[in-house]
Amino acid sequence: MNREVSLTELLERRLRQARLRRLNRKLYDRDLYSYWDKTKLKAGCLPKHVRVEALRLYSAWKRRVEGRTLLSALEVASLLKASRAYGYPLYLGRALEMFPPGRHRLTEALSILGVEPARPETFIPLIVSRMPVETGHEVLVESLRKARGISLQGRKPQVVAAAIVYQSCRSLSLRVTLRRVARAAGVSESSVRGALRALARFKSAADRDAGKRGGGPDGEGGLRGDTDAGGKRGGGEEPQAGG
């Protein structure tokens, strides 16, 4: 009798476990479908393969983290890592607009996925691609060259990238306005002007260091070109404000 009861209990326990697994799987799949729908609705500007990669990352790490707050942060981190992996920069502010709860414990989620802080080089190709200039390839190469070694604490990388692209256009004698570059980067003109002044200070410091080491004005980390603190050329010409 005891043997029969024990066997019955064992079967019931296994049945409950199987039902629980099916329920968890349904909830797991439902959450993935929900995440996919949200990325499709809110991140429609991103290519499909970027959203697929974000879903893959989220699915792979979802079972390894605990807590709704961290899962929300993981949604943002997965989208950021996927977009950078495919060279399609997604601004952090835009990602947080899509998933507002993700701002909590976001640093932890970024660390879990190994997402490195964004650098200006990440945003330069997209900014250049949005600008209707015939010599886009030259601007891209020059901008990436200028961006090497640049480190401006406290400034958004997309703003610094816009300033570098503007400087590159000036170096190549292209008539591109500051407003056009700022629009291409999705940032304000005033923030780009501030970054231009910061870049000028960075260049001056780099040139002084290069001089002490016996190097030329184009020492490691310096910026080539004759822009002054306002992003102007040596003749004092103001940046054009027109569209």
C-alpha atoms as a PDB file:
ATOM      1  CA  MET A   1       0.000   0.000   0.000  1.00  0.00           C
ATOM      2  CA  ASN A   2       2.774   2.405   0.984  1.00  0.00           C
ATOM      3  CA  ARG A   3       4.590   1.455  -2.181  1.00  0.00           C
ATOM      4  CA  GLU A   4       1.498   2.326  -4.258  1.00  0.00           C
ATOM      5  CA  VAL A   5       1.045   5.651  -2.438  1.00  0.00           C
ATOM      6  CA  SER A   6       4.696   6.555  -2.912  1.00  0.00           C
ATOM      7  CA  LEU A   7       4.517   5.708  -6.601  1.00  0.00           C
ATOM      8  CA  THR A   8       1.357   7.777  -6.979  1.00  0.00           C
ATOM      9  CA  GLU A   9       2.935  10.746  -5.215  1.00  0.00           C
ATOM     10  CA  LEU A  10       6.012  10.446  -7.384  1.00  0.00           C
ATOM     11  CA  LEU A  11       3.938  10.476 -10.568  1.00  0.00           C
ATOM     12  CA  GLU A  12       1.910  13.457  -9.362  1.00  0.00           C
ATOM     13  CA  ARG A  13       5.085  15.334  -8.457  1.00  0.00           C
ATOM     14  CA  ARG A  14       6.570  14.707 -11.882  1.00  0.00           C
ATOM     15  CA  LEU A  15       3.326  15.778 -13.517  1.00  0.00           C
ATOM     16  CA  ARG A  16       3.325  19.039 -11.544  1.00  0.00           C
ATOM     17  CA  GLN A  17       6.939  19.651 -12.495  1.00  0.00           C
ATOM     18  CA  ALA A  18       6.159  19.054 -16.160  1.00  0.00           C
ATOM     19  CA  ARG A  19       3.220  21.449 -16.005  1.00  0.00           C
ATOM     20  CA  LEU A  20       5.390  24.054 -14.272  1.00  0.00           C
ATOM     21  CA  ARG A  21       8.061  23.713 -16.943  1.00  0.00           C
ATOM     22  CA  ARG A  22       5.466  24.188 -19.671  1.00  0.00           C
ATOM     23  CA  LEU A  23       4.068  27.222 -17.865  1.00  0.00           C
ATOM     24  CA  ASN A  24       7.527  28.725 -17.408  1.00  0.00           C
ATOM     25  CA  ARG A  25       8.273  28.079 -21.057  1.00  0.00           C
ATOM     26  CA  LYS A  26       5.068  29.821 -22.092  1.00  0.00           C
ATOM     27  CA  LEU A  27       5.893  32.792 -19.862  1.00  0.00           C
ATOM     28  CA  TYR A  28       9.470  32.809 -21.181  1.00  0.00           C
ATOM     29  CA  ASP A  29       8.309  32.739 -24.793  1.00  0.00           C
ATOM     30  CA  ARG A  30       5.642  35.343 -24.065  1.00  0.00           C
ATOM     31  CA  ASP A  31       8.277  37.665 -22.619  1.00  0.00           C
ATOM     32  CA  LEU A  32      10.487  37.197 -25.680  1.00  0.00           C
ATOM     33  CA  TYR A  33       7.564  37.903 -27.997  1.00  0.00           C
ATOM     34  CA  SER A  34       6.765  40.980 -25.936  1.00  0.00           C
ATOM     35  CA  TYR A  35      10.362  42.200 -26.191  1.00  0.00           C
ATOM     36  CA  TRP A  36      10.370  41.605 -29.947  1.00  0.00           C
ATOM     37  CA  ASP A  37       7.103  43.515 -30.349  1.00  0.00           C
ATOM     38  CA  LYS A  38       8.450  46.414 -28.293  1.00  0.00           C
ATOM     39  CA  THR A  39      11.637  46.646 -30.338  1.00  0.00           C
ATOM     40  CA  LYS A  40       9.608  46.478 -33.537  1.00  0.00           C
ATOM     41  CA  LEU A  41       7.247  49.201 -32.338  1.00  0.00           C
ATOM     42  CA  LYS A  42       9.704  51.506 -30.594  1.00  0.00           C
ATOM     43  CA  ALA A  43      12.945  50.716 -32.423  1.00  0.00           C
ATOM     44  CA  GLY A  44      11.566  50.484 -35.919  1.00  0.00           C
ATOM     45  CA  CYS A  45      14.371  52.776 -37.082  1.00  0.00           C
ATOM     46  CA  LEU A  46      16.826  49.950 -36.446  1.00  0.00           C
ATOM     47  CA  PRO A  47      17.358  47.300 -39.144  1.00  0.00           C
ATOM     48  CA  LYS A  48      15.690  43.956 -38.546  1.00  0.00           C
ATOM     49  CA  HIS A  49      18.987  42.078 -38.150  1.00  0.00           C
ATOM     50  CA  VAL A  50      19.956  44.449 -35.316  1.00  0.00           C
ATOM     51  CA  ARG A  51      16.684  43.745 -33.513  1.00  0.00           C
ATOM     52  CA  VAL A  52      17.128  40.001 -34.089  1.00  0.00           C
ATOM     53  CA  GLU A  53      20.575  40.168 -32.487  1.00  0.00           C
ATOM     54  CA  ALA A  54      19.152  42.121 -29.539  1.00  0.00           C
ATOM     55  CA  LEU A  55      16.501  39.435 -29.071  1.00  0.00           C
ATOM     56  CA  ARG A  56      19.172  36.716 -29.190  1.00  0.00           C
ATOM     57  CA  LEU A  57      21.256  38.469 -26.536  1.00  0.00           C
ATOM     58  CA  TYR A  58      18.250  39.087 -24.312  1.00  0.00           C
ATOM     59  CA  SER A  59      17.123  35.462 -24.649  1.00  0.00           C
ATOM     60  CA  ALA A  60      20.601  34.127 -23.865  1.00  0.00           C
ATOM     61  CA  TRP A  61      20.979  36.176 -20.674  1.00  0.00           C
ATOM     62  CA  LYS A  62      17.389  36.341 -19.461  1.00  0.00           C
ATOM     63  CA  ARG A  63      17.597  33.126 -17.430  1.00  0.00           C
ATOM     64  CA  ARG A  64      20.853  34.198 -15.793  1.00  0.00           C
ATOM     65  CA  VAL A  65      19.581  37.355 -14.124  1.00  0.00           C
ATOM     66  CA  GLU A  66      16.994  37.842 -11.421  1.00  0.00           C
ATOM     67  CA  GLY A  67      14.578  40.674 -10.782  1.00  0.00           C
ATOM     68  CA  ARG A  68      12.279  42.645 -13.043  1.00  0.00           C
ATOM     69  CA  THR A  69      14.396  45.785 -12.690  1.00  0.00           C
ATOM     70  CA  LEU A  70      17.539  44.092 -13.961  1.00  0.00           C
ATOM     71  CA  LEU A  71      15.581  42.455 -16.782  1.00  0.00           C
ATOM     72  CA  SER A  72      14.357  45.889 -17.887  1.00  0.00           C
ATOM     73  CA  ALA A  73      17.940  47.117 -17.896  1.00  0.00           C
ATOM     74  CA  LEU A  74      18.932  44.011 -19.857  1.00  0.00           C
ATOM     75  CA  GLU A  75      16.424  44.979 -22.565  1.00  0.00           C
ATOM     76  CA  VAL A  76      18.251  48.272 -23.064  1.00  0.00           C
ATOM     77  CA  ALA A  77      21.741  46.764 -22.819  1.00  0.00           C
ATOM     78  CA  SER A  78      20.918  44.085 -25.415  1.00  0.00           C
ATOM     79  CA  LEU A  79      19.674  46.700 -27.860  1.00  0.00           C
ATOM     80  CA  LEU A  80      22.757  48.862 -27.346  1.00  0.00           C
ATOM     81  CA  LYS A  81      25.193  45.985 -27.804  1.00  0.00           C
ATOM     82  CA  ALA A  82      23.415  44.690 -30.902  1.00  0.00           C
ATOM     83  CA  SER A  83      23.353  48.114 -32.553  1.00  0.00           C
ATOM     84  CA  ARG A  84      27.058  48.685 -31.904  1.00  0.00           C
ATOM     85  CA  ALA A  85      27.959  45.190 -33.079  1.00  0.00           C
ATOM     86  CA  TYR A  86      26.500  46.009 -36.499  1.00  0.00           C
ATOM     87  CA  GLY A  87      27.926  49.519 -36.633  1.00  0.00           C
ATOM     88  CA  TYR A  88      24.562  51.183 -36.196  1.00  0.00           C
ATOM     89  CA  PRO A  89      24.988  53.566 -33.235  1.00  0.00           C
ATOM     90  CA  LEU A  90      22.004  53.953 -30.962  1.00  0.00           C
ATOM     91  CA  TYR A  91      22.081  56.864 -28.560  1.00  0.00           C
ATOM     92  CA  LEU A  92      21.681  55.850 -24.934  1.00  0.00           C
ATOM     93  CA  GLY A  93      19.017  58.495 -24.413  1.00  0.00           C
ATOM     94  CA  ARG A  94      16.991  57.103 -27.324  1.00  0.00           C
ATOM     95  CA  ALA A  95      17.256  53.560 -25.974  1.00  0.00           C
ATOM     96  CA  LEU A  96      16.039  54.700 -22.556  1.00  0.00           C
ATOM     97  CA  GLU A  97      13.095  56.461 -24.195  1.00  0.00           C
ATOM     98  CA  MET A  98      12.094  53.075 -25.610  1.00  0.00           C
ATOM     99  CA  PHE A  99      12.469  51.276 -22.276  1.00  0.00           C
ATOM    100  CA  PRO A 100      12.260  53.879 -19.446  1.00  0.00           C
ATOM    101  CA  PRO A 101      12.493  51.325 -16.577  1.00  0.00           C
ATOM    102  CA  GLY A 102      15.848  50.229 -17.995  1.00  0.00           C
ATOM    103  CA  ARG A 103      17.670  53.220 -16.513  1.00  0.00           C
ATOM    104  CA  HIS A 104      17.698  51.470 -13.131  1.00  0.00           C
ATOM    105  CA  ARG A 105      20.617  49.042 -12.756  1.00  0.00           C
ATOM    106  CA  LEU A 106      21.653  49.822 -16.333  1.00  0.00           C
ATOM    107  CA  THR A 107      25.339  49.942 -15.404  1.00  0.00           C
ATOM    108  CA  GLU A 108      25.063  46.409 -14.052  1.00  0.00           C
ATOM    109  CA  ALA A 109      23.328  45.151 -17.200  1.00  0.00           C
ATOM    110  CA  LEU A 110      25.918  46.795 -19.459  1.00  0.00           C
ATOM    111  CA  SER A 111      28.651  45.137 -17.433  1.00  0.00           C
ATOM    112  CA  ILE A 112      26.964  41.729 -17.710  1.00  0.00           C
ATOM    113  CA  LEU A 113      26.852  41.976 -21.509  1.00  0.00           C
ATOM    114  CA  GLY A 114      30.304  43.521 -21.744  1.00  0.00           C
ATOM    115  CA  VAL A 115      29.089  46.704 -23.439  1.00  0.00           C
ATOM    116  CA  GLU A 116      31.953  49.188 -23.692  1.00  0.00           C
ATOM    117  CA  PRO A 117      31.338  52.929 -23.313  1.00  0.00           C
ATOM    118  CA  ALA A 118      30.541  54.571 -26.641  1.00  0.00           C
ATOM    119  CA  ARG A 119      33.305  56.550 -28.344  1.00  0.00           C
ATOM    120  CA  PRO A 120      33.078  59.277 -31.014  1.00  0.00           C
ATOM    121  CA  GLU A 121      34.316  56.823 -33.666  1.00  0.00           C
ATOM    122  CA  THR A 122      31.113  54.840 -33.145  1.00  0.00           C
ATOM    123  CA  PHE A 123      28.929  57.702 -34.380  1.00  0.00           C
ATOM    124  CA  ILE A 124      31.067  59.235 -37.132  1.00  0.00           C
ATOM    125  CA  PRO A 125      30.021  56.885 -39.998  1.00  0.00           C
ATOM    126  CA  LEU A 126      26.308  57.473 -39.373  1.00  0.00           C
ATOM    127  CA  ILE A 127      26.730  61.254 -39.177  1.00  0.00           C
ATOM    128  CA  VAL A 128      28.710  61.350 -42.429  1.00  0.00           C
ATOM    129  CA  SER A 129      26.165  59.109 -44.168  1.00  0.00           C
ATOM    130  CA  ARG A 130      23.412  61.600 -43.313  1.00  0.00           C
ATOM    131  CA  MET A 131      25.254  64.505 -44.905  1.00  0.00           C
ATOM    132  CA  PRO A 132      24.816  65.074 -48.657  1.00  0.00           C
ATOM    133  CA  VAL A 133      28.482  65.657 -49.505  1.00  0.00           C
ATOM    134  CA  GLU A 134      30.131  64.253 -52.604  1.00  0.00           C
ATOM    135  CA  THR A 135      33.399  63.532 -50.812  1.00  0.00           C
ATOM    136  CA  GLY A 136      31.787  61.547 -48.019  1.00  0.00           C
ATOM    137  CA  HIS A 137      34.524  58.911 -48.050  1.00  0.00           C
ATOM    138  CA  GLU A 138      37.236  61.551 -47.597  1.00  0.00           C
ATOM    139  CA  VAL A 139      35.288  63.143 -44.760  1.00  0.00           C
ATOM    140  CA  LEU A 140      34.872  59.751 -43.105  1.00  0.00           C
ATOM    141  CA  VAL A 141      38.573  58.884 -43.342  1.00  0.00           C
ATOM    142  CA  GLU A 142      39.655  62.324 -42.123  1.00  0.00           C
ATOM    143  CA  SER A 143      37.154  62.270 -39.239  1.00  0.00           C
ATOM    144  CA  LEU A 144      38.225  58.831 -38.052  1.00  0.00           C
ATOM    145  CA  ARG A 145      41.855  59.952 -38.212  1.00  0.00           C
ATOM    146  CA  LYS A 146      41.111  63.035 -36.139  1.00  0.00           C
ATOM    147  CA  ALA A 147      39.136  61.003 -33.605  1.00  0.00           C
ATOM    148  CA  ARG A 148      42.115  58.827 -32.683  1.00  0.00           C
ATOM    149  CA  GLY A 149      43.234  59.532 -29.150  1.00  0.00           C
ATOM    150  CA  ILE A 150      40.468  62.047 -28.443  1.00  0.00           C
ATOM    151  CA  SER A 151      39.191  61.920 -24.874  1.00  0.00           C
ATOM    152  CA  LEU A 152      36.783  64.605 -23.654  1.00  0.00           C
ATOM    153  CA  GLN A 153      35.344  63.799 -20.267  1.00  0.00           C
ATOM    154  CA  GLY A 154      31.768  64.848 -19.589  1.00  0.00           C
ATOM    155  CA  ARG A 155      30.719  65.304 -23.230  1.00  0.00           C
ATOM    156  CA  LYS A 156      28.422  63.021 -25.162  1.00  0.00           C
ATOM    157  CA  PRO A 157      30.331  60.999 -27.763  1.00  0.00           C
ATOM    158  CA  GLN A 158      27.840  61.872 -30.516  1.00  0.00           C
ATOM    159  CA  VAL A 159      28.424  65.578 -29.848  1.00  0.00           C
ATOM    160  CA  VAL A 160      32.198  65.126 -30.003  1.00  0.00           C
ATOM    161  CA  ALA A 161      31.761  63.097 -33.193  1.00  0.00           C
ATOM    162  CA  ALA A 162      29.742  65.926 -34.769  1.00  0.00           C
ATOM    163  CA  ALA A 163      32.451  68.446 -33.859  1.00  0.00           C
ATOM    164  CA  ILE A 164      35.134  66.228 -35.391  1.00  0.00           C
ATOM    165  CA  VAL A 165      33.118  65.782 -38.597  1.00  0.00           C
ATOM    166  CA  TYR A 166      32.628  69.549 -38.831  1.00  0.00           C
ATOM    167  CA  GLN A 167      36.358  70.139 -38.378  1.00  0.00           C
ATOM    168  CA  SER A 168      37.102  67.550 -41.055  1.00  0.00           C
ATOM    169  CA  CYS A 169      34.777  69.270 -43.513  1.00  0.00           C
ATOM    170  CA  ARG A 170      36.534  72.572 -42.849  1.00  0.00           C
ATOM    171  CA  SER A 171      39.949  70.950 -43.285  1.00  0.00           C
ATOM    172  CA  LEU A 172      38.800  69.614 -46.663  1.00  0.00           C
ATOM    173  CA  SER A 173      37.455  73.076 -47.636  1.00  0.00           C
ATOM    174  CA  LEU A 174      33.877  71.821 -47.844  1.00  0.00           C
ATOM    175  CA  ARG A 175      31.111  74.368 -47.385  1.00  0.00           C
ATOM    176  CA  VAL A 176      29.139  72.543 -44.724  1.00  0.00           C
ATOM    177  CA  THR A 177      27.325  74.474 -42.020  1.00  0.00           C
ATOM    178  CA  LEU A 178      27.451  73.703 -38.352  1.00  0.00           C
ATOM    179  CA  ARG A 179      23.667  73.412 -38.340  1.00  0.00           C
ATOM    180  CA  ARG A 180      23.725  70.696 -40.998  1.00  0.00           C
ATOM    181  CA  VAL A 181      26.273  68.636 -39.084  1.00  0.00           C
ATOM    182  CA  ALA A 182      24.358  69.048 -35.823  1.00  0.00           C
ATOM    183  CA  ARG A 183      21.141  67.920 -37.510  1.00  0.00           C
ATOM    184  CA  ALA A 184      22.883  64.888 -38.982  1.00  0.00           C
ATOM    185  CA  ALA A 185      24.079  63.957 -35.504  1.00  0.00           C
ATOM    186  CA  GLY A 186      20.741  64.691 -33.841  1.00  0.00           C
ATOM    187  CA  VAL A 187      22.283  67.161 -31.389  1.00  0.00           C
ATOM    188  CA  SER A 188      22.117  70.916 -30.823  1.00  0.00           C
ATOM    189  CA  GLU A 189      24.396  73.480 -32.457  1.00  0.00           C
ATOM    190  CA  SER A 190      25.339  74.944 -29.081  1.00  0.00           C
ATOM    191  CA  SER A 191      26.554  71.579 -27.800  1.00  0.00           C
ATOM    192  CA  VAL A 192      28.702  71.119 -30.923  1.00  0.00           C
ATOM    193  CA  ARG A 193      30.181  74.621 -30.477  1.00  0.00           C
ATOM    194  CA  GLY A 194      31.091  73.696 -26.924  1.00  0.00           C
ATOM    195  CA  ALA A 195      32.738  70.506 -28.148  1.00  0.00           C
ATOM    196  CA  LEU A 196      34.701  72.504 -30.750  1.00  0.00           C
ATOM    197  CA  ARG A 197      36.110  74.715 -28.014  1.00  0.00           C
ATOM    198  CA  ALA A 198      36.966  71.654 -25.933  1.00  0.00           C
ATOM    199  CA  LEU A 199      38.676  70.037 -28.934  1.00  0.00           C
ATOM    200  CA  ALA A 200      40.730  73.193 -29.461  1.00  0.00           C
ATOM    201  CA  ARG A 201      41.899  73.067 -25.839  1.00  0.00           C
ATOM    202  CA  PHE A 202      42.661  69.360 -26.223  1.00  0.00           C
ATOM    203  CA  LYS A 203      44.706  70.101 -29.367  1.00  0.00           C
ATOM    204  CA  SER A 204      46.663  72.869 -27.641  1.00  0.00           C
ATOM    205  CA  ALA A 205      47.512  70.601 -24.720  1.00  0.00           C
ATOM    206  CA  ALA A 206      48.505  67.779 -27.087  1.00  0.00           C
ATOM    207  CA  ASP A 207      50.712  70.145 -29.116  1.00  0.00           C
ATOM    208  CA  ARG A 208      52.463  71.366 -25.966  1.00  0.00           C
ATOM    209  CA  ASP A 209      53.106  67.792 -24.873  1.00  0.00           C
ATOM    210  CA  ALA A 210      54.383  66.907 -28.341  1.00  0.00           C
ATOM    211  CA  GLY A 211      56.724  69.922 -28.251  1.00  0.00           C
ATOM    212  CA  LYS A 212      58.156  68.829 -24.914  1.00  0.00           C
ATOM    213  CA  ARG A 213      58.809  65.373 -26.360  1.00  0.00           C
ATOM    214  CA  GLY A 214      60.433  66.888 -29.421  1.00  0.00           C
ATOM    215  CA  GLY A 215      57.519  66.044 -31.711  1.00  0.00           C
ATOM    216  CA  GLY A 216      55.696  68.312 -34.126  1.00  0.00           C
ATOM    217  CA  PRO A 217      52.282  69.922 -33.769  1.00  0.00           C
ATOM    218  CA  ASP A 218      50.702  66.764 -35.104  1.00  0.00           C
ATOM    219  CA  GLY A 219      51.876  64.661 -32.177  1.00  0.00           C
ATOM    220  CA  GLU A 220      50.003  61.559 -31.038  1.00  0.00           C
ATOM    221  CA  GLY A 221      46.456  62.442 -30.078  1.00  0.00           C
ATOM    222  CA  GLY A 222      46.605  65.903 -31.678  1.00  0.00           C
ATOM    223  CA  LEU A 223      44.249  67.362 -34.242  1.00  0.00           C
ATOM    224  CA  ARG A 224      45.451  68.583 -37.636  1.00  0.00           C
ATOM    225  CA  GLY A 225      43.948  71.760 -38.991  1.00  0.00           C
ATOM    226  CA  ASP A 226      43.808  75.438 -38.034  1.00  0.00           C
ATOM    227  CA  THR A 227      40.574  75.614 -36.072  1.00  0.00           C
ATOM    228  CA  ASP A 228      40.542  77.927 -33.089  1.00  0.00           C
ATOM    229  CA  ALA A 229      38.517  77.716 -29.887  1.00  0.00           C
ATOM    230  CA  GLY A 230      35.248  78.436 -31.644  1.00  0.00           C
ATOM    231  CA  GLY A 231      35.729  75.927 -34.407  1.00  0.00           C
ATOM    232  CA  LYS A 232      36.733  78.807 -36.775  1.00  0.00           C
ATOM    233  CA  ARG A 233      39.546  78.881 -39.283  1.00  0.00           C
ATOM    234  CA  GLY A 234      42.575  81.093 -38.864  1.00  0.00           C
ATOM    235  CA  GLY A 235      40.952  83.995 -40.711  1.00  0.00           C
ATOM    236  CA  GLY A 236      38.281  84.388 -38.028  1.00  0.00           C
ATOM    237  CA  GLU A 237      35.403  83.307 -40.259  1.00  0.00           C
ATOM    238  CA  GLU A 238      32.276  82.486 -38.280  1.00  0.00           C
ATOM    239  CA  PRO A 239      30.626  79.063 -38.714  1.00  0.00           C
ATOM    240  CA  GLN A 240      27.730  79.447 -41.118  1.00  0.00           C
ATOM    241  CA  ALA A 241      24.346  79.293 -39.432  1.00  0.00           C
ATOM    242  CA  GLY A 242      22.244  78.596 -42.447  1.00  0.00           C
ATOM    243  CA  GLY A 243      20.673  75.246 -43.257  1.00  0.00           C
END
